[in-house]
Amino acid sequence: MSLAALDRTLAALADPARRRVVDLLATGPRSAGDLAREIGISAPTMSRHLKSLKASGLVEDSHPDFDARVRVYALRPEPMVQVLRWLEESERLWSNQLLAFKTHLEREA
């Protein structure tokens, strides 16, 4: 994942309503209307949040066979896997830095 893609993912997750959408979609696909009702926001506001999540690659939409007017949203795992890898690498870096700092302090003491 490029840094630009990671930035888009993190920017999309910065909003509490979008994180709530991600939490709800983690339990399974849902329509935009269902998501808006569960979160308690208007349909236009939900549409803007879903547009942002889709642009970041976190969600994808599809149309059920029974009604092409309805969009069903589902999570895409790839962006979250990339965020997890970035966090793991950051954790390794900080752990190494803190260990080196601890070693330095112990030598000085």
PDB file of N, CA and C in Angstrom:
ATOM      1  N   MET A   1       0.857  -1.174   0.000  1.00  0.00           N
ATOM      2  CA  MET A   1       0.000   0.000   0.000  1.00  0.00           C
ATOM      3  C   MET A   1       0.900   1.233   0.000  1.00  0.00           C
ATOM      4  N   SER A   2       0.547   2.161  -0.826  1.00  0.00           N
ATOM      5  CA  SER A   2       1.311   3.401  -0.886  1.00  0.00           C
ATOM      6  C   SER A   2       0.990   4.266   0.329  1.00  0.00           C
ATOM      7  N   LEU A   3       1.864   5.202   0.589  1.00  0.00           N
ATOM      8  CA  LEU A   3       1.610   6.130   1.690  1.00  0.00           C
ATOM      9  C   LEU A   3       0.363   6.959   1.428  1.00  0.00           C
ATOM     10  N   ALA A   4       0.104   7.294   0.173  1.00  0.00           N
ATOM     11  CA  ALA A   4      -1.106   8.059  -0.152  1.00  0.00           C
ATOM     12  C   ALA A   4      -2.357   7.244   0.166  1.00  0.00           C
ATOM     13  N   ALA A   5      -2.338   5.957  -0.153  1.00  0.00           N
ATOM     14  CA  ALA A   5      -3.486   5.098   0.151  1.00  0.00           C
ATOM     15  C   ALA A   5      -3.657   4.953   1.662  1.00  0.00           C
ATOM     16  N   LEU A   6      -2.554   4.804   2.372  1.00  0.00           N
ATOM     17  CA  LEU A   6      -2.621   4.722   3.832  1.00  0.00           C
ATOM     18  C   LEU A   6      -3.187   6.018   4.407  1.00  0.00           C
ATOM     19  N   ASP A   7      -2.757   7.149   3.871  1.00  0.00           N
ATOM     20  CA  ASP A   7      -3.282   8.442   4.319  1.00  0.00           C
ATOM     21  C   ASP A   7      -4.786   8.528   4.089  1.00  0.00           C
ATOM     22  N   ARG A   8      -5.265   8.068   2.926  1.00  0.00           N
ATOM     23  CA  ARG A   8      -6.708   8.093   2.643  1.00  0.00           C
ATOM     24  C   ARG A   8      -7.469   7.213   3.626  1.00  0.00           C
ATOM     25  N   THR A   9      -6.921   6.041   3.930  1.00  0.00           N
ATOM     26  CA  THR A   9      -7.580   5.132   4.867  1.00  0.00           C
ATOM     27  C   THR A   9      -7.656   5.753   6.251  1.00  0.00           C
ATOM     28  N   LEU A  10      -6.537   6.287   6.733  1.00  0.00           N
ATOM     29  CA  LEU A  10      -6.524   6.889   8.059  1.00  0.00           C
ATOM     30  C   LEU A  10      -7.412   8.128   8.123  1.00  0.00           C
ATOM     31  N   ALA A  11      -7.443   8.919   7.048  1.00  0.00           N
ATOM     32  CA  ALA A  11      -8.314  10.099   7.019  1.00  0.00           C
ATOM     33  C   ALA A  11      -9.779   9.675   7.073  1.00  0.00           C
ATOM     34  N   ALA A  12     -10.125   8.621   6.365  1.00  0.00           N
ATOM     35  CA  ALA A  12     -11.506   8.129   6.392  1.00  0.00           C
ATOM     36  C   ALA A  12     -11.881   7.636   7.783  1.00  0.00           C
ATOM     37  N   LEU A  13     -10.948   7.008   8.468  1.00  0.00           N
ATOM     38  CA  LEU A  13     -11.219   6.472   9.807  1.00  0.00           C
ATOM     39  C   LEU A  13     -11.151   7.538  10.906  1.00  0.00           C
ATOM     40  N   ALA A  14     -10.724   8.740  10.561  1.00  0.00           N
ATOM     41  CA  ALA A  14     -10.607   9.800  11.564  1.00  0.00           C
ATOM     42  C   ALA A  14     -11.968  10.273  12.066  1.00  0.00           C
ATOM     43  N   ASP A  15     -13.009  10.071  11.279  1.00  0.00           N
ATOM     44  CA  ASP A  15     -14.338  10.529  11.661  1.00  0.00           C
ATOM     45  C   ASP A  15     -15.061   9.460  12.487  1.00  0.00           C
ATOM     46  N   PRO A  16     -15.613   9.826  13.643  1.00  0.00           N
ATOM     47  CA  PRO A  16     -16.289   8.834  14.496  1.00  0.00           C
ATOM     48  C   PRO A  16     -17.473   8.147  13.819  1.00  0.00           C
ATOM     49  N   ALA A  17     -18.217   8.871  13.001  1.00  0.00           N
ATOM     50  CA  ALA A  17     -19.364   8.247  12.314  1.00  0.00           C
ATOM     51  C   ALA A  17     -18.888   7.194  11.320  1.00  0.00           C
ATOM     52  N   ARG A  18     -17.799   7.475  10.632  1.00  0.00           N
ATOM     53  CA  ARG A  18     -17.277   6.489   9.671  1.00  0.00           C
ATOM     54  C   ARG A  18     -16.708   5.275  10.402  1.00  0.00           C
ATOM     55  N   ARG A  19     -16.087   5.497  11.565  1.00  0.00           N
ATOM     56  CA  ARG A  19     -15.624   4.339  12.339  1.00  0.00           C
ATOM     57  C   ARG A  19     -16.813   3.497  12.786  1.00  0.00           C
ATOM     58  N   ARG A  20     -17.910   4.145  13.137  1.00  0.00           N
ATOM     59  CA  ARG A  20     -19.120   3.406  13.527  1.00  0.00           C
ATOM     60  C   ARG A  20     -19.655   2.606  12.345  1.00  0.00           C
ATOM     61  N   VAL A  21     -19.626   3.175  11.144  1.00  0.00           N
ATOM     62  CA  VAL A  21     -20.036   2.441   9.937  1.00  0.00           C
ATOM     63  C   VAL A  21     -19.163   1.208   9.755  1.00  0.00           C
ATOM     64  N   VAL A  22     -17.868   1.375   9.914  1.00  0.00           N
ATOM     65  CA  VAL A  22     -16.947   0.238   9.783  1.00  0.00           C
ATOM     66  C   VAL A  22     -17.280  -0.831  10.823  1.00  0.00           C
ATOM     67  N   ASP A  23     -17.553  -0.411  12.061  1.00  0.00           N
ATOM     68  CA  ASP A  23     -17.931  -1.372  13.109  1.00  0.00           C
ATOM     69  C   ASP A  23     -19.200  -2.137  12.724  1.00  0.00           C
ATOM     70  N   LEU A  24     -20.190  -1.420  12.202  1.00  0.00           N
ATOM     71  CA  LEU A  24     -21.444  -2.078  11.806  1.00  0.00           C
ATOM     72  C   LEU A  24     -21.226  -3.025  10.628  1.00  0.00           C
ATOM     73  N   LEU A  25     -20.435  -2.593   9.663  1.00  0.00           N
ATOM     74  CA  LEU A  25     -20.189  -3.444   8.495  1.00  0.00           C
ATOM     75  C   LEU A  25     -19.329  -4.656   8.838  1.00  0.00           C
ATOM     76  N   ALA A  26     -18.614  -4.584   9.944  1.00  0.00           N
ATOM     77  CA  ALA A  26     -17.809  -5.741  10.375  1.00  0.00           C
ATOM     78  C   ALA A  26     -18.706  -6.930  10.701  1.00  0.00           C
ATOM     79  N   THR A  27     -19.970  -6.666  11.008  1.00  0.00           N
ATOM     80  CA  THR A  27     -20.910  -7.755  11.311  1.00  0.00           C
ATOM     81  C   THR A  27     -21.619  -8.254  10.068  1.00  0.00           C
ATOM     82  N   GLY A  28     -21.447  -7.561   8.943  1.00  0.00           N
ATOM     83  CA  GLY A  28     -22.054  -7.997   7.691  1.00  0.00           C
ATOM     84  C   GLY A  28     -22.501  -6.819   6.842  1.00  0.00           C
ATOM     85  N   PRO A  29     -22.730  -7.066   5.550  1.00  0.00           N
ATOM     86  CA  PRO A  29     -23.160  -6.010   4.633  1.00  0.00           C
ATOM     87  C   PRO A  29     -24.504  -5.406   5.046  1.00  0.00           C
ATOM     88  N   ARG A  30     -24.665  -4.124   4.720  1.00  0.00           N
ATOM     89  CA  ARG A  30     -25.913  -3.410   5.051  1.00  0.00           C
ATOM     90  C   ARG A  30     -26.185  -2.352   3.994  1.00  0.00           C
ATOM     91  N   SER A  31     -27.435  -1.987   3.898  1.00  0.00           N
ATOM     92  CA  SER A  31     -27.808  -0.903   2.985  1.00  0.00           C
ATOM     93  C   SER A  31     -27.467   0.438   3.630  1.00  0.00           C
ATOM     94  N   ALA A  32     -27.380   1.459   2.800  1.00  0.00           N
ATOM     95  CA  ALA A  32     -27.098   2.803   3.293  1.00  0.00           C
ATOM     96  C   ALA A  32     -28.194   3.254   4.251  1.00  0.00           C
ATOM     97  N   GLY A  33     -29.434   2.938   3.915  1.00  0.00           N
ATOM     98  CA  GLY A  33     -30.550   3.325   4.780  1.00  0.00           C
ATOM     99  C   GLY A  33     -30.477   2.676   6.147  1.00  0.00           C
ATOM    100  N   ASP A  34     -30.136   1.388   6.173  1.00  0.00           N
ATOM    101  CA  ASP A  34     -29.990   0.691   7.457  1.00  0.00           C
ATOM    102  C   ASP A  34     -28.876   1.313   8.291  1.00  0.00           C
ATOM    103  N   LEU A  35     -27.766   1.629   7.645  1.00  0.00           N
ATOM    104  CA  LEU A  35     -26.642   2.241   8.355  1.00  0.00           C
ATOM    105  C   LEU A  35     -27.035   3.601   8.926  1.00  0.00           C
ATOM    106  N   ALA A  36     -27.722   4.410   8.120  1.00  0.00           N
ATOM    107  CA  ALA A  36     -28.138   5.742   8.579  1.00  0.00           C
ATOM    108  C   ALA A  36     -29.069   5.628   9.781  1.00  0.00           C
ATOM    109  N   ARG A  37     -30.024   4.693   9.721  1.00  0.00           N
ATOM    110  CA  ARG A  37     -30.952   4.517  10.847  1.00  0.00           C
ATOM    111  C   ARG A  37     -30.221   4.058  12.102  1.00  0.00           C
ATOM    112  N   GLU A  38     -29.314   3.112  11.963  1.00  0.00           N
ATOM    113  CA  GLU A  38     -28.598   2.584  13.133  1.00  0.00           C
ATOM    114  C   GLU A  38     -27.722   3.644  13.795  1.00  0.00           C
ATOM    115  N   ILE A  39     -27.119   4.500  12.993  1.00  0.00           N
ATOM    116  CA  ILE A  39     -26.235   5.522  13.545  1.00  0.00           C
ATOM    117  C   ILE A  39     -27.028   6.759  13.968  1.00  0.00           C
ATOM    118  N   GLY A  40     -28.188   6.943  13.367  1.00  0.00           N
ATOM    119  CA  GLY A  40     -29.013   8.098  13.715  1.00  0.00           C
ATOM    120  C   GLY A  40     -28.634   9.363  12.981  1.00  0.00           C
ATOM    121  N   ILE A  41     -28.275   9.225  11.703  1.00  0.00           N
ATOM    122  CA  ILE A  41     -27.949  10.391  10.890  1.00  0.00           C
ATOM    123  C   ILE A  41     -28.822  10.379   9.642  1.00  0.00           C
ATOM    124  N   SER A  42     -28.868  11.509   8.958  1.00  0.00           N
ATOM    125  CA  SER A  42     -29.702  11.630   7.761  1.00  0.00           C
ATOM    126  C   SER A  42     -29.104  10.839   6.595  1.00  0.00           C
ATOM    127  N   ALA A  43     -29.946  10.529   5.636  1.00  0.00           N
ATOM    128  CA  ALA A  43     -29.487   9.801   4.446  1.00  0.00           C
ATOM    129  C   ALA A  43     -28.420  10.578   3.677  1.00  0.00           C
ATOM    130  N   PRO A  44     -28.582  11.895   3.467  1.00  0.00           N
ATOM    131  CA  PRO A  44     -27.519  12.627   2.760  1.00  0.00           C
ATOM    132  C   PRO A  44     -26.176  12.618   3.504  1.00  0.00           C
ATOM    133  N   THR A  45     -26.238  12.720   4.823  1.00  0.00           N
ATOM    134  CA  THR A  45     -24.998  12.664   5.611  1.00  0.00           C
ATOM    135  C   THR A  45     -24.362  11.290   5.492  1.00  0.00           C
ATOM    136  N   MET A  46     -25.171  10.242   5.566  1.00  0.00           N
ATOM    137  CA  MET A  46     -24.638   8.884   5.406  1.00  0.00           C
ATOM    138  C   MET A  46     -24.037   8.714   4.024  1.00  0.00           C
ATOM    139  N   SER A  47     -24.675   9.265   3.035  1.00  0.00           N
ATOM    140  CA  SER A  47     -24.157   9.171   1.668  1.00  0.00           C
ATOM    141  C   SER A  47     -22.760   9.772   1.575  1.00  0.00           C
ATOM    142  N   ARG A  48     -22.556  10.918   2.215  1.00  0.00           N
ATOM    143  CA  ARG A  48     -21.227  11.549   2.202  1.00  0.00           C
ATOM    144  C   ARG A  48     -20.189  10.673   2.914  1.00  0.00           C
ATOM    145  N   HIS A  49     -20.588  10.082   4.043  1.00  0.00           N
ATOM    146  CA  HIS A  49     -19.655   9.202   4.758  1.00  0.00           C
ATOM    147  C   HIS A  49     -19.319   7.971   3.923  1.00  0.00           C
ATOM    148  N   LEU A  50     -20.313   7.386   3.293  1.00  0.00           N
ATOM    149  CA  LEU A  50     -20.067   6.193   2.474  1.00  0.00           C
ATOM    150  C   LEU A  50     -19.214   6.528   1.252  1.00  0.00           C
ATOM    151  N   LYS A  51     -19.416   7.710   0.690  1.00  0.00           N
ATOM    152  CA  LYS A  51     -18.583   8.137  -0.439  1.00  0.00           C
ATOM    153  C   LYS A  51     -17.121   8.217  -0.012  1.00  0.00           C
ATOM    154  N   SER A  52     -16.870   8.778   1.167  1.00  0.00           N
ATOM    155  CA  SER A  52     -15.509   8.881   1.687  1.00  0.00           C
ATOM    156  C   SER A  52     -14.914   7.493   1.946  1.00  0.00           C
ATOM    157  N   LEU A  53     -15.699   6.615   2.564  1.00  0.00           N
ATOM    158  CA  LEU A  53     -15.214   5.257   2.841  1.00  0.00           C
ATOM    159  C   LEU A  53     -14.937   4.491   1.551  1.00  0.00           C
ATOM    160  N   LYS A  54     -15.778   4.702   0.558  1.00  0.00           N
ATOM    161  CA  LYS A  54     -15.577   4.028  -0.724  1.00  0.00           C
ATOM    162  C   LYS A  54     -14.329   4.570  -1.429  1.00  0.00           C
ATOM    163  N   ALA A  55     -14.140   5.895  -1.392  1.00  0.00           N
ATOM    164  CA  ALA A  55     -12.956   6.504  -2.015  1.00  0.00           C
ATOM    165  C   ALA A  55     -11.669   6.018  -1.365  1.00  0.00           C
ATOM    166  N   SER A  56     -11.733   5.732  -0.077  1.00  0.00           N
ATOM    167  CA  SER A  56     -10.552   5.247   0.630  1.00  0.00           C
ATOM    168  C   SER A  56     -10.295   3.770   0.371  1.00  0.00           C
ATOM    169  N   GLY A  57     -11.281   3.094  -0.209  1.00  0.00           N
ATOM    170  CA  GLY A  57     -11.139   1.665  -0.474  1.00  0.00           C
ATOM    171  C   GLY A  57     -11.604   0.781   0.666  1.00  0.00           C
ATOM    172  N   LEU A  58     -12.120   1.385   1.736  1.00  0.00           N
ATOM    173  CA  LEU A  58     -12.548   0.589   2.894  1.00  0.00           C
ATOM    174  C   LEU A  58     -13.847  -0.167   2.654  1.00  0.00           C
ATOM    175  N   VAL A  59     -14.717   0.367   1.811  1.00  0.00           N
ATOM    176  CA  VAL A  59     -15.986  -0.306   1.531  1.00  0.00           C
ATOM    177  C   VAL A  59     -16.197  -0.409   0.026  1.00  0.00           C
ATOM    178  N   GLU A  60     -17.043  -1.349  -0.327  1.00  0.00           N
ATOM    179  CA  GLU A  60     -17.483  -1.488  -1.704  1.00  0.00           C
ATOM    180  C   GLU A  60     -18.999  -1.632  -1.683  1.00  0.00           C
ATOM    181  N   ASP A  61     -19.619  -1.299  -2.799  1.00  0.00           N
ATOM    182  CA  ASP A  61     -21.065  -1.425  -2.851  1.00  0.00           C
ATOM    183  C   ASP A  61     -21.477  -2.355  -3.980  1.00  0.00           C
ATOM    184  N   SER A  62     -22.675  -2.881  -3.825  1.00  0.00           N
ATOM    185  CA  SER A  62     -23.257  -3.742  -4.849  1.00  0.00           C
ATOM    186  C   SER A  62     -24.765  -3.528  -4.831  1.00  0.00           C
ATOM    187  N   HIS A  63     -25.400  -4.012  -5.857  1.00  0.00           N
ATOM    188  CA  HIS A  63     -26.856  -3.927  -5.954  1.00  0.00           C
ATOM    189  C   HIS A  63     -27.426  -5.329  -5.832  1.00  0.00           C
ATOM    190  N   PRO A  64     -28.394  -5.522  -4.931  1.00  0.00           N
ATOM    191  CA  PRO A  64     -29.018  -6.842  -4.854  1.00  0.00           C
ATOM    192  C   PRO A  64     -29.826  -7.118  -6.122  1.00  0.00           C
ATOM    193  N   ASP A  65     -29.964  -8.373  -6.466  1.00  0.00           N
ATOM    194  CA  ASP A  65     -30.689  -8.753  -7.674  1.00  0.00           C
ATOM    195  C   ASP A  65     -32.138  -8.274  -7.663  1.00  0.00           C
ATOM    196  N   PHE A  66     -32.727  -8.196  -6.486  1.00  0.00           N
ATOM    197  CA  PHE A  66     -34.146  -7.870  -6.391  1.00  0.00           C
ATOM    198  C   PHE A  66     -34.460  -6.385  -6.547  1.00  0.00           C
ATOM    199  N   ASP A  67     -33.455  -5.495  -6.403  1.00  0.00           N
ATOM    200  CA  ASP A  67     -33.730  -4.060  -6.493  1.00  0.00           C
ATOM    201  C   ASP A  67     -32.447  -3.301  -6.816  1.00  0.00           C
ATOM    202  N   ALA A  68     -32.327  -2.865  -8.062  1.00  0.00           N
ATOM    203  CA  ALA A  68     -31.113  -2.166  -8.501  1.00  0.00           C
ATOM    204  C   ALA A  68     -30.998  -0.771  -7.898  1.00  0.00           C
ATOM    205  N   ARG A  69     -32.076  -0.261  -7.278  1.00  0.00           N
ATOM    206  CA  ARG A  69     -32.030   1.068  -6.663  1.00  0.00           C
ATOM    207  C   ARG A  69     -31.312   1.039  -5.317  1.00  0.00           C
ATOM    208  N   VAL A  70     -31.248  -0.137  -4.702  1.00  0.00           N
ATOM    209  CA  VAL A  70     -30.657  -0.278  -3.375  1.00  0.00           C
ATOM    210  C   VAL A  70     -29.174  -0.595  -3.515  1.00  0.00           C
ATOM    211  N   ARG A  71     -28.367   0.053  -2.705  1.00  0.00           N
ATOM    212  CA  ARG A  71     -26.940  -0.269  -2.647  1.00  0.00           C
ATOM    213  C   ARG A  71     -26.663  -0.920  -1.309  1.00  0.00           C
ATOM    214  N   VAL A  72     -25.944  -2.018  -1.371  1.00  0.00           N
ATOM    215  CA  VAL A  72     -25.533  -2.725  -0.160  1.00  0.00           C
ATOM    216  C   VAL A  72     -24.023  -2.544  -0.031  1.00  0.00           C
ATOM    217  N   TYR A  73     -23.604  -2.129   1.153  1.00  0.00           N
ATOM    218  CA  TYR A  73     -22.191  -1.846   1.399  1.00  0.00           C
ATOM    219  C   TYR A  73     -21.566  -2.956   2.230  1.00  0.00           C
ATOM    220  N   ALA A  74     -20.312  -3.250   1.903  1.00  0.00           N
ATOM    221  CA  ALA A  74     -19.555  -4.279   2.618  1.00  0.00           C
ATOM    222  C   ALA A  74     -18.120  -3.792   2.796  1.00  0.00           C
ATOM    223  N   LEU A  75     -17.478  -4.279   3.834  1.00  0.00           N
ATOM    224  CA  LEU A  75     -16.074  -3.926   4.074  1.00  0.00           C
ATOM    225  C   LEU A  75     -15.159  -4.625   3.089  1.00  0.00           C
ATOM    226  N   ARG A  76     -14.079  -3.956   2.756  1.00  0.00           N
ATOM    227  CA  ARG A  76     -12.979  -4.552   2.004  1.00  0.00           C
ATOM    228  C   ARG A  76     -11.828  -4.710   2.997  1.00  0.00           C
ATOM    229  N   PRO A  77     -11.298  -5.894   3.157  1.00  0.00           N
ATOM    230  CA  PRO A  77     -10.272  -6.111   4.188  1.00  0.00           C
ATOM    231  C   PRO A  77      -8.894  -5.532   3.862  1.00  0.00           C
ATOM    232  N   GLU A  78      -8.575  -5.353   2.597  1.00  0.00           N
ATOM    233  CA  GLU A  78      -7.216  -4.979   2.224  1.00  0.00           C
ATOM    234  C   GLU A  78      -6.717  -3.697   2.893  1.00  0.00           C
ATOM    235  N   PRO A  79      -7.484  -2.612   2.901  1.00  0.00           N
ATOM    236  CA  PRO A  79      -6.962  -1.391   3.547  1.00  0.00           C
ATOM    237  C   PRO A  79      -6.667  -1.576   5.037  1.00  0.00           C
ATOM    238  N   MET A  80      -7.500  -2.340   5.731  1.00  0.00           N
ATOM    239  CA  MET A  80      -7.264  -2.552   7.162  1.00  0.00           C
ATOM    240  C   MET A  80      -6.033  -3.429   7.384  1.00  0.00           C
ATOM    241  N   VAL A  81      -5.801  -4.382   6.510  1.00  0.00           N
ATOM    242  CA  VAL A  81      -4.598  -5.211   6.608  1.00  0.00           C
ATOM    243  C   VAL A  81      -3.363  -4.335   6.439  1.00  0.00           C
ATOM    244  N   GLN A  82      -3.436  -3.397   5.512  1.00  0.00           N
ATOM    245  CA  GLN A  82      -2.302  -2.494   5.294  1.00  0.00           C
ATOM    246  C   GLN A  82      -2.083  -1.572   6.493  1.00  0.00           C
ATOM    247  N   VAL A  83      -3.164  -1.093   7.105  1.00  0.00           N
ATOM    248  CA  VAL A  83      -3.033  -0.267   8.311  1.00  0.00           C
ATOM    249  C   VAL A  83      -2.394  -1.082   9.427  1.00  0.00           C
ATOM    250  N   LEU A  84      -2.831  -2.322   9.575  1.00  0.00           N
ATOM    251  CA  LEU A  84      -2.262  -3.193  10.600  1.00  0.00           C
ATOM    252  C   LEU A  84      -0.773  -3.411  10.372  1.00  0.00           C
ATOM    253  N   ARG A  85      -0.375  -3.638   9.137  1.00  0.00           N
ATOM    254  CA  ARG A  85       1.057  -3.805   8.832  1.00  0.00           C
ATOM    255  C   ARG A  85       1.841  -2.539   9.168  1.00  0.00           C
ATOM    256  N   TRP A  86       1.274  -1.387   8.839  1.00  0.00           N
ATOM    257  CA  TRP A  86       1.943  -0.121   9.146  1.00  0.00           C
ATOM    258  C   TRP A  86       2.076   0.054  10.657  1.00  0.00           C
ATOM    259  N   LEU A  87       1.015  -0.269  11.403  1.00  0.00           N
ATOM    260  CA  LEU A  87       1.070  -0.160  12.865  1.00  0.00           C
ATOM    261  C   LEU A  87       2.098  -1.121  13.459  1.00  0.00           C
ATOM    262  N   GLU A  88       2.157  -2.337  12.928  1.00  0.00           N
ATOM    263  CA  GLU A  88       3.141  -3.308  13.419  1.00  0.00           C
ATOM    264  C   GLU A  88       4.559  -2.810  13.171  1.00  0.00           C
ATOM    265  N   GLU A  89       4.802  -2.247  12.001  1.00  0.00           N
ATOM    266  CA  GLU A  89       6.129  -1.718  11.688  1.00  0.00           C
ATOM    267  C   GLU A  89       6.458  -0.529  12.591  1.00  0.00           C
ATOM    268  N   SER A  90       5.482   0.334  12.832  1.00  0.00           N
ATOM    269  CA  SER A  90       5.692   1.474  13.733  1.00  0.00           C
ATOM    270  C   SER A  90       5.982   0.995  15.142  1.00  0.00           C
ATOM    271  N   GLU A  91       5.286  -0.021  15.583  1.00  0.00           N
ATOM    272  CA  GLU A  91       5.498  -0.576  16.925  1.00  0.00           C
ATOM    273  C   GLU A  91       6.913  -1.150  17.038  1.00  0.00           C
ATOM    274  N   ARG A  92       7.360  -1.862  16.002  1.00  0.00           N
ATOM    275  CA  ARG A  92       8.725  -2.406  16.011  1.00  0.00           C
ATOM    276  C   ARG A  92       9.752  -1.288  16.091  1.00  0.00           C
ATOM    277  N   LEU A  93       9.547  -0.243  15.314  1.00  0.00           N
ATOM    278  CA  LEU A  93      10.473   0.887  15.318  1.00  0.00           C
ATOM    279  C   LEU A  93      10.552   1.513  16.704  1.00  0.00           C
ATOM    280  N   TRP A  94       9.388   1.796  17.306  1.00  0.00           N
ATOM    281  CA  TRP A  94       9.383   2.425  18.624  1.00  0.00           C
ATOM    282  C   TRP A  94       9.940   1.498  19.691  1.00  0.00           C
ATOM    283  N   SER A  95       9.653   0.225  19.602  1.00  0.00           N
ATOM    284  CA  SER A  95      10.206  -0.726  20.573  1.00  0.00           C
ATOM    285  C   SER A  95      11.724  -0.735  20.499  1.00  0.00           C
ATOM    286  N   ASN A  96      12.269  -0.746  19.292  1.00  0.00           N
ATOM    287  CA  ASN A  96      13.722  -0.719  19.123  1.00  0.00           C
ATOM    288  C   ASN A  96      14.315   0.580  19.655  1.00  0.00           C
ATOM    289  N   GLN A  97      13.648   1.698  19.369  1.00  0.00           N
ATOM    290  CA  GLN A  97      14.130   2.993  19.844  1.00  0.00           C
ATOM    291  C   GLN A  97      14.109   3.057  21.373  1.00  0.00           C
ATOM    292  N   LEU A  98      13.037   2.604  21.965  1.00  0.00           N
ATOM    293  CA  LEU A  98      12.936   2.634  23.430  1.00  0.00           C
ATOM    294  C   LEU A  98      13.936   1.690  24.085  1.00  0.00           C
ATOM    295  N   LEU A  99      14.165   0.531  23.481  1.00  0.00           N
ATOM    296  CA  LEU A  99      15.153  -0.397  24.011  1.00  0.00           C
ATOM    297  C   LEU A  99      16.550   0.217  23.947  1.00  0.00           C
ATOM    298  N   ALA A 100      16.862   0.861  22.836  1.00  0.00           N
ATOM    299  CA  ALA A 100      18.170   1.518  22.708  1.00  0.00           C
ATOM    300  C   ALA A 100      18.305   2.647  23.729  1.00  0.00           C
ATOM    301  N   PHE A 101      17.242   3.398  23.941  1.00  0.00           N
ATOM    302  CA  PHE A 101      17.267   4.471  24.929  1.00  0.00           C
ATOM    303  C   PHE A 101      17.461   3.909  26.335  1.00  0.00           C
ATOM    304  N   LYS A 102      16.763   2.839  26.649  1.00  0.00           N
ATOM    305  CA  LYS A 102      16.901   2.191  27.955  1.00  0.00           C
ATOM    306  C   LYS A 102      18.339   1.714  28.158  1.00  0.00           C
ATOM    307  N   THR A 103      18.906   1.078  27.145  1.00  0.00           N
ATOM    308  CA  THR A 103      20.286   0.596  27.226  1.00  0.00           C
ATOM    309  C   THR A 103      21.245   1.766  27.455  1.00  0.00           C
ATOM    310  N   HIS A 104      21.022   2.848  26.754  1.00  0.00           N
ATOM    311  CA  HIS A 104      21.863   4.048  26.909  1.00  0.00           C
ATOM    312  C   HIS A 104      21.769   4.579  28.347  1.00  0.00           C
ATOM    313  N   LEU A 105      20.567   4.684  28.882  1.00  0.00           N
ATOM    314  CA  LEU A 105      20.400   5.179  30.241  1.00  0.00           C
ATOM    315  C   LEU A 105      21.055   4.258  31.267  1.00  0.00           C
ATOM    316  N   GLU A 106      20.947   2.953  31.072  1.00  0.00           N
ATOM    317  CA  GLU A 106      21.541   2.007  32.009  1.00  0.00           C
ATOM    318  C   GLU A 106      23.063   2.107  31.983  1.00  0.00           C
ATOM    319  N   ARG A 107      23.640   2.379  30.802  1.00  0.00           N
ATOM    320  CA  ARG A 107      25.103   2.533  30.716  1.00  0.00           C
ATOM    321  C   ARG A 107      25.562   3.803  31.417  1.00  0.00           C
ATOM    322  N   GLU A 108      24.755   4.854  31.317  1.00  0.00           N
ATOM    323  CA  GLU A 108      25.096   6.134  31.926  1.00  0.00           C
ATOM    324  C   GLU A 108      25.010   6.073  33.447  1.00  0.00           C
ATOM    325  N   ALA A 109      24.148   5.197  33.963  1.00  0.00           N
ATOM    326  CA  ALA A 109      23.896   5.150  35.416  1.00  0.00           C
ATOM    327  C   ALA A 109      24.963   4.452  36.173  1.00  0.00           C
TER     328      ALA A 109
END
